[in-house]
């Protein structure tokens, strides 16, 4: 996650975000974890077209959002491998202080939970995190002070919805196993 931007407007599939990220036309930029293409730029704003397929999988665009430009060849890979392809939405059910950090419990749809494993990766609103615990109804992530200070995750409350991207490698493994091919 590179910075926090602000949704200026979202009307008729056109999303306008104020941010410091310098994007060129055609660049991919993740907004709240959603990979979108820059269609206009200027005045400290990036503009994106959002299609119905995307809207069917994500929470509404509003308020502050995490902004992350796409990794370019040769850039250092400093975290988990994520694509900005949101799988669905989960609900924050609890937040508990742990020292200087916060442990957050999220309950996603069961079809997403199948791809969550302890110490595996998950992306929450565009922030790549390590799964700290998982059970039959949800998973937990531990947020360190730096993550809380630099992302929108410090604003979470119980009952909030978050965009989730699960581990792409788990999806490929499932698809390749005999008898598990899913469309």
C-alpha atoms as a PDB file:
ATOM      1  CA  UNK A   1       0.000   0.000   0.000  1.00  0.00           C
ATOM      2  CA  UNK A   2       1.544   3.295  -1.072  1.00  0.00           C
ATOM      3  CA  UNK A   3      -0.734   6.020   0.323  1.00  0.00           C
ATOM      4  CA  UNK A   4      -4.208   6.950   1.484  1.00  0.00           C
ATOM      5  CA  UNK A   5      -6.310   8.903  -1.025  1.00  0.00           C
ATOM      6  CA  UNK A   6      -9.852  10.269  -0.914  1.00  0.00           C
ATOM      7  CA  UNK A   7     -12.827   9.398  -3.086  1.00  0.00           C
ATOM      8  CA  UNK A   8     -13.958  12.693  -4.596  1.00  0.00           C
ATOM      9  CA  UNK A   9     -16.912  11.230  -6.470  1.00  0.00           C
ATOM     10  CA  UNK A  10     -18.377   8.037  -7.830  1.00  0.00           C
ATOM     11  CA  UNK A  11     -21.200   8.431 -10.339  1.00  0.00           C
ATOM     12  CA  UNK A  12     -22.349   6.313 -13.284  1.00  0.00           C
ATOM     13  CA  UNK A  13     -19.346   4.009 -13.019  1.00  0.00           C
ATOM     14  CA  UNK A  14     -16.822   6.870 -12.988  1.00  0.00           C
ATOM     15  CA  UNK A  15     -14.592   6.980  -9.889  1.00  0.00           C
ATOM     16  CA  UNK A  16     -12.499  10.069  -9.070  1.00  0.00           C
ATOM     17  CA  UNK A  17      -9.793   9.758  -6.398  1.00  0.00           C
ATOM     18  CA  UNK A  18      -7.617  12.573  -5.020  1.00  0.00           C
ATOM     19  CA  UNK A  19      -4.134  11.260  -4.276  1.00  0.00           C
ATOM     20  CA  UNK A  20      -0.439  11.923  -4.687  1.00  0.00           C
ATOM     21  CA  UNK A  21       0.134   8.907  -6.921  1.00  0.00           C
ATOM     22  CA  UNK A  22       1.241   9.978 -10.376  1.00  0.00           C
ATOM     23  CA  UNK A  23      -0.536   7.757 -12.870  1.00  0.00           C
ATOM     24  CA  UNK A  24      -0.427   7.782 -16.631  1.00  0.00           C
ATOM     25  CA  UNK A  25      -3.339   6.913 -18.890  1.00  0.00           C
ATOM     26  CA  UNK A  26      -3.679   3.148 -18.984  1.00  0.00           C
ATOM     27  CA  UNK A  27      -1.765   2.544 -15.748  1.00  0.00           C
ATOM     28  CA  UNK A  28      -3.126   0.036 -13.245  1.00  0.00           C
ATOM     29  CA  UNK A  29      -3.700   1.412  -9.762  1.00  0.00           C
ATOM     30  CA  UNK A  30      -5.331  -0.468  -6.891  1.00  0.00           C
ATOM     31  CA  UNK A  31      -7.987   1.541  -5.044  1.00  0.00           C
ATOM     32  CA  UNK A  32      -9.069  -0.117  -1.767  1.00  0.00           C
ATOM     33  CA  UNK A  33      -7.538  -3.281  -3.209  1.00  0.00           C
ATOM     34  CA  UNK A  34      -9.384  -3.052  -6.536  1.00  0.00           C
ATOM     35  CA  UNK A  35      -7.159  -2.989  -9.631  1.00  0.00           C
ATOM     36  CA  UNK A  36      -8.438  -0.211 -11.902  1.00  0.00           C
ATOM     37  CA  UNK A  37      -7.151   1.512 -15.043  1.00  0.00           C
ATOM     38  CA  UNK A  38      -6.419   5.245 -15.135  1.00  0.00           C
ATOM     39  CA  UNK A  39      -8.646   6.832 -17.820  1.00  0.00           C
ATOM     40  CA  UNK A  40      -8.052  10.502 -16.907  1.00  0.00           C
ATOM     41  CA  UNK A  41      -5.614  12.373 -14.697  1.00  0.00           C
ATOM     42  CA  UNK A  42      -4.849  15.877 -13.547  1.00  0.00           C
ATOM     43  CA  UNK A  43      -5.005  18.241 -10.614  1.00  0.00           C
ATOM     44  CA  UNK A  44      -3.912  15.600  -8.103  1.00  0.00           C
ATOM     45  CA  UNK A  45      -6.742  13.302  -9.166  1.00  0.00           C
ATOM     46  CA  UNK A  46      -6.962   9.990 -10.960  1.00  0.00           C
ATOM     47  CA  UNK A  47     -10.135   8.901 -12.756  1.00  0.00           C
ATOM     48  CA  UNK A  48     -11.236   5.304 -13.334  1.00  0.00           C
ATOM     49  CA  UNK A  49     -14.143   3.531 -15.027  1.00  0.00           C
ATOM     50  CA  UNK A  50     -15.641   0.791 -12.838  1.00  0.00           C
ATOM     51  CA  UNK A  51     -17.656  -1.946 -14.554  1.00  0.00           C
ATOM     52  CA  UNK A  52     -20.604  -3.912 -13.111  1.00  0.00           C
ATOM     53  CA  UNK A  53     -18.465  -7.085 -12.687  1.00  0.00           C
ATOM     54  CA  UNK A  54     -16.191  -5.171 -10.331  1.00  0.00           C
ATOM     55  CA  UNK A  55     -19.083  -3.554  -8.471  1.00  0.00           C
ATOM     56  CA  UNK A  56     -20.638  -6.987  -7.855  1.00  0.00           C
ATOM     57  CA  UNK A  57     -17.566  -8.059  -5.841  1.00  0.00           C
ATOM     58  CA  UNK A  58     -16.545  -4.985  -3.835  1.00  0.00           C
ATOM     59  CA  UNK A  59     -17.824  -2.699  -1.124  1.00  0.00           C
ATOM     60  CA  UNK A  60     -18.983   0.772  -2.237  1.00  0.00           C
ATOM     61  CA  UNK A  61     -16.252   3.308  -3.022  1.00  0.00           C
ATOM     62  CA  UNK A  62     -16.342   6.091  -0.428  1.00  0.00           C
ATOM     63  CA  UNK A  63     -14.180   8.122   1.935  1.00  0.00           C
ATOM     64  CA  UNK A  64     -10.479   7.482   2.425  1.00  0.00           C
ATOM     65  CA  UNK A  65      -9.056   4.597   0.359  1.00  0.00           C
ATOM     66  CA  UNK A  66      -5.723   2.805   0.172  1.00  0.00           C
ATOM     67  CA  UNK A  67      -3.931   3.580  -3.116  1.00  0.00           C
ATOM     68  CA  UNK A  68      -1.232   1.359  -4.631  1.00  0.00           C
ATOM     69  CA  UNK A  69       0.252   1.700  -8.109  1.00  0.00           C
ATOM     70  CA  UNK A  70       1.132  -1.527  -9.904  1.00  0.00           C
ATOM     71  CA  UNK A  71       4.543  -3.041  -9.326  1.00  0.00           C
ATOM     72  CA  UNK A  72       6.830  -2.522 -12.292  1.00  0.00           C
ATOM     73  CA  UNK A  73       9.445  -4.965 -13.546  1.00  0.00           C
ATOM     74  CA  UNK A  74      12.621  -4.381 -11.565  1.00  0.00           C
ATOM     75  CA  UNK A  75      10.833  -2.909  -8.520  1.00  0.00           C
ATOM     76  CA  UNK A  76      11.599  -4.657  -5.225  1.00  0.00           C
ATOM     77  CA  UNK A  77       8.936  -7.126  -4.112  1.00  0.00           C
ATOM     78  CA  UNK A  78       8.500  -6.212  -0.457  1.00  0.00           C
ATOM     79  CA  UNK A  79       5.460  -8.248   0.517  1.00  0.00           C
ATOM     80  CA  UNK A  80       3.003 -10.865  -0.626  1.00  0.00           C
ATOM     81  CA  UNK A  81       2.077 -11.530  -4.230  1.00  0.00           C
ATOM     82  CA  UNK A  82      -1.285  -9.824  -4.800  1.00  0.00           C
ATOM     83  CA  UNK A  83      -3.107  -8.860  -7.962  1.00  0.00           C
ATOM     84  CA  UNK A  84      -5.770  -6.327  -7.039  1.00  0.00           C
ATOM     85  CA  UNK A  85      -8.445  -8.804  -8.100  1.00  0.00           C
ATOM     86  CA  UNK A  86     -10.904  -8.582  -5.220  1.00  0.00           C
ATOM     87  CA  UNK A  87     -12.680 -11.882  -4.587  1.00  0.00           C
ATOM     88  CA  UNK A  88     -15.435 -10.507  -2.381  1.00  0.00           C
ATOM     89  CA  UNK A  89     -16.359  -8.669   0.777  1.00  0.00           C
ATOM     90  CA  UNK A  90     -15.927  -9.704   4.408  1.00  0.00           C
ATOM     91  CA  UNK A  91     -17.318  -8.243   7.610  1.00  0.00           C
ATOM     92  CA  UNK A  92     -15.184  -7.012  10.484  1.00  0.00           C
ATOM     93  CA  UNK A  93     -16.645  -8.679  13.581  1.00  0.00           C
ATOM     94  CA  UNK A  94     -14.153  -7.629  16.245  1.00  0.00           C
ATOM     95  CA  UNK A  95     -11.082  -5.525  16.932  1.00  0.00           C
ATOM     96  CA  UNK A  96      -8.973  -6.205  20.012  1.00  0.00           C
ATOM     97  CA  UNK A  97      -5.933  -4.308  21.220  1.00  0.00           C
ATOM     98  CA  UNK A  98      -2.712  -6.359  21.345  1.00  0.00           C
ATOM     99  CA  UNK A  99       0.065  -4.252  22.808  1.00  0.00           C
ATOM    100  CA  UNK A 100       0.565  -1.372  20.340  1.00  0.00           C
ATOM    101  CA  UNK A 101      -1.294  -3.225  17.603  1.00  0.00           C
ATOM    102  CA  UNK A 102      -4.793  -4.472  16.881  1.00  0.00           C
ATOM    103  CA  UNK A 103      -6.050  -7.978  16.144  1.00  0.00           C
ATOM    104  CA  UNK A 104      -8.948  -7.903  13.681  1.00  0.00           C
ATOM    105  CA  UNK A 105     -11.413 -10.742  13.101  1.00  0.00           C
ATOM    106  CA  UNK A 106     -13.069 -10.873   9.674  1.00  0.00           C
ATOM    107  CA  UNK A 107     -15.818 -13.191   8.500  1.00  0.00           C
ATOM    108  CA  UNK A 108     -15.921 -13.667   4.718  1.00  0.00           C
ATOM    109  CA  UNK A 109     -18.239 -15.805   2.618  1.00  0.00           C
ATOM    110  CA  UNK A 110     -17.418 -19.510   3.032  1.00  0.00           C
ATOM    111  CA  UNK A 111     -16.251 -19.733  -0.596  1.00  0.00           C
ATOM    112  CA  UNK A 112     -13.475 -17.226   0.236  1.00  0.00           C
ATOM    113  CA  UNK A 113     -12.568 -18.679   3.616  1.00  0.00           C
ATOM    114  CA  UNK A 114     -11.466 -21.922   1.918  1.00  0.00           C
ATOM    115  CA  UNK A 115      -8.407 -20.036   0.570  1.00  0.00           C
ATOM    116  CA  UNK A 116      -7.311 -18.663   3.936  1.00  0.00           C
ATOM    117  CA  UNK A 117      -4.629 -20.544   5.857  1.00  0.00           C
ATOM    118  CA  UNK A 118      -2.743 -19.625   8.994  1.00  0.00           C
ATOM    119  CA  UNK A 119       0.443 -17.745   8.067  1.00  0.00           C
ATOM    120  CA  UNK A 120      -0.835 -17.402   4.493  1.00  0.00           C
ATOM    121  CA  UNK A 121      -1.563 -14.058   2.875  1.00  0.00           C
ATOM    122  CA  UNK A 122      -4.790 -12.119   2.480  1.00  0.00           C
ATOM    123  CA  UNK A 123      -5.403  -8.602   1.248  1.00  0.00           C
ATOM    124  CA  UNK A 124      -7.797  -6.403   3.225  1.00  0.00           C
ATOM    125  CA  UNK A 125      -8.838  -3.176   1.471  1.00  0.00           C
ATOM    126  CA  UNK A 126      -5.639  -3.380  -0.558  1.00  0.00           C
ATOM    127  CA  UNK A 127      -3.293  -4.004   2.375  1.00  0.00           C
ATOM    128  CA  UNK A 128      -1.437  -7.311   2.139  1.00  0.00           C
ATOM    129  CA  UNK A 129      -1.434  -9.069   5.505  1.00  0.00           C
ATOM    130  CA  UNK A 130      -0.540 -12.403   7.084  1.00  0.00           C
ATOM    131  CA  UNK A 131      -3.389 -14.543   8.417  1.00  0.00           C
ATOM    132  CA  UNK A 132      -2.752 -14.925  12.168  1.00  0.00           C
ATOM    133  CA  UNK A 133      -5.538 -17.463  12.817  1.00  0.00           C
ATOM    134  CA  UNK A 134      -8.361 -19.141  10.934  1.00  0.00           C
ATOM    135  CA  UNK A 135     -11.355 -21.259  11.932  1.00  0.00           C
ATOM    136  CA  UNK A 136     -14.581 -22.467  10.323  1.00  0.00           C
ATOM    137  CA  UNK A 137     -16.236 -19.009  10.226  1.00  0.00           C
ATOM    138  CA  UNK A 138     -13.469 -16.464   9.824  1.00  0.00           C
ATOM    139  CA  UNK A 139      -9.873 -15.401  10.119  1.00  0.00           C
ATOM    140  CA  UNK A 140      -7.782 -12.929  12.100  1.00  0.00           C
ATOM    141  CA  UNK A 141      -5.002 -10.556  11.135  1.00  0.00           C
ATOM    142  CA  UNK A 142      -2.639  -8.710  13.470  1.00  0.00           C
ATOM    143  CA  UNK A 143      -2.082  -5.061  12.562  1.00  0.00           C
ATOM    144  CA  UNK A 144       1.198  -3.487  13.634  1.00  0.00           C
ATOM    145  CA  UNK A 145       1.453   0.219  14.542  1.00  0.00           C
ATOM    146  CA  UNK A 146       3.008   1.100  11.141  1.00  0.00           C
ATOM    147  CA  UNK A 147       0.085  -0.455   9.255  1.00  0.00           C
ATOM    148  CA  UNK A 148      -2.378   1.356  11.506  1.00  0.00           C
ATOM    149  CA  UNK A 149      -0.603   4.690  10.945  1.00  0.00           C
ATOM    150  CA  UNK A 150      -0.191   4.399   7.159  1.00  0.00           C
ATOM    151  CA  UNK A 151      -3.444   2.784   5.959  1.00  0.00           C
ATOM    152  CA  UNK A 152      -7.199   3.103   6.305  1.00  0.00           C
ATOM    153  CA  UNK A 153      -7.292  -0.001   8.509  1.00  0.00           C
ATOM    154  CA  UNK A 154      -6.958   2.181  11.623  1.00  0.00           C
ATOM    155  CA  UNK A 155     -10.484   3.458  10.866  1.00  0.00           C
ATOM    156  CA  UNK A 156     -12.114   0.006  10.966  1.00  0.00           C
ATOM    157  CA  UNK A 157     -15.002  -0.744  13.318  1.00  0.00           C
ATOM    158  CA  UNK A 158     -17.004  -3.868  14.002  1.00  0.00           C
ATOM    159  CA  UNK A 159     -19.684  -4.191  11.344  1.00  0.00           C
ATOM    160  CA  UNK A 160     -17.598  -2.575   8.576  1.00  0.00           C
ATOM    161  CA  UNK A 161     -17.239  -4.337   5.255  1.00  0.00           C
ATOM    162  CA  UNK A 162     -13.786  -4.797   3.708  1.00  0.00           C
ATOM    163  CA  UNK A 163     -12.604  -5.858   0.247  1.00  0.00           C
ATOM    164  CA  UNK A 164     -10.788  -9.198   0.317  1.00  0.00           C
ATOM    165  CA  UNK A 165      -8.350 -10.783  -2.083  1.00  0.00           C
ATOM    166  CA  UNK A 166      -7.376 -14.307  -1.120  1.00  0.00           C
ATOM    167  CA  UNK A 167      -4.181 -16.141  -2.000  1.00  0.00           C
ATOM    168  CA  UNK A 168      -4.020 -16.686  -5.772  1.00  0.00           C
ATOM    169  CA  UNK A 169      -1.706 -19.674  -5.330  1.00  0.00           C
ATOM    170  CA  UNK A 170      -4.363 -21.503  -3.290  1.00  0.00           C
ATOM    171  CA  UNK A 171      -6.857 -20.991  -6.114  1.00  0.00           C
ATOM    172  CA  UNK A 172      -4.458 -22.465  -8.678  1.00  0.00           C
ATOM    173  CA  UNK A 173      -3.669 -25.459  -6.468  1.00  0.00           C
ATOM    174  CA  UNK A 174      -7.367 -26.162  -5.979  1.00  0.00           C
ATOM    175  CA  UNK A 175      -8.042 -25.950  -9.698  1.00  0.00           C
ATOM    176  CA  UNK A 176      -5.217 -28.342 -10.531  1.00  0.00           C
ATOM    177  CA  UNK A 177      -6.103 -31.043  -7.990  1.00  0.00           C
ATOM    178  CA  UNK A 178      -7.998 -34.019  -9.440  1.00  0.00           C
ATOM    179  CA  UNK A 179     -11.740 -33.815  -8.843  1.00  0.00           C
ATOM    180  CA  UNK A 180     -11.704 -30.171  -7.745  1.00  0.00           C
ATOM    181  CA  UNK A 181     -11.895 -28.368 -11.073  1.00  0.00           C
ATOM    182  CA  UNK A 182     -14.290 -25.477 -10.637  1.00  0.00           C
ATOM    183  CA  UNK A 183     -15.398 -23.069 -13.354  1.00  0.00           C
END
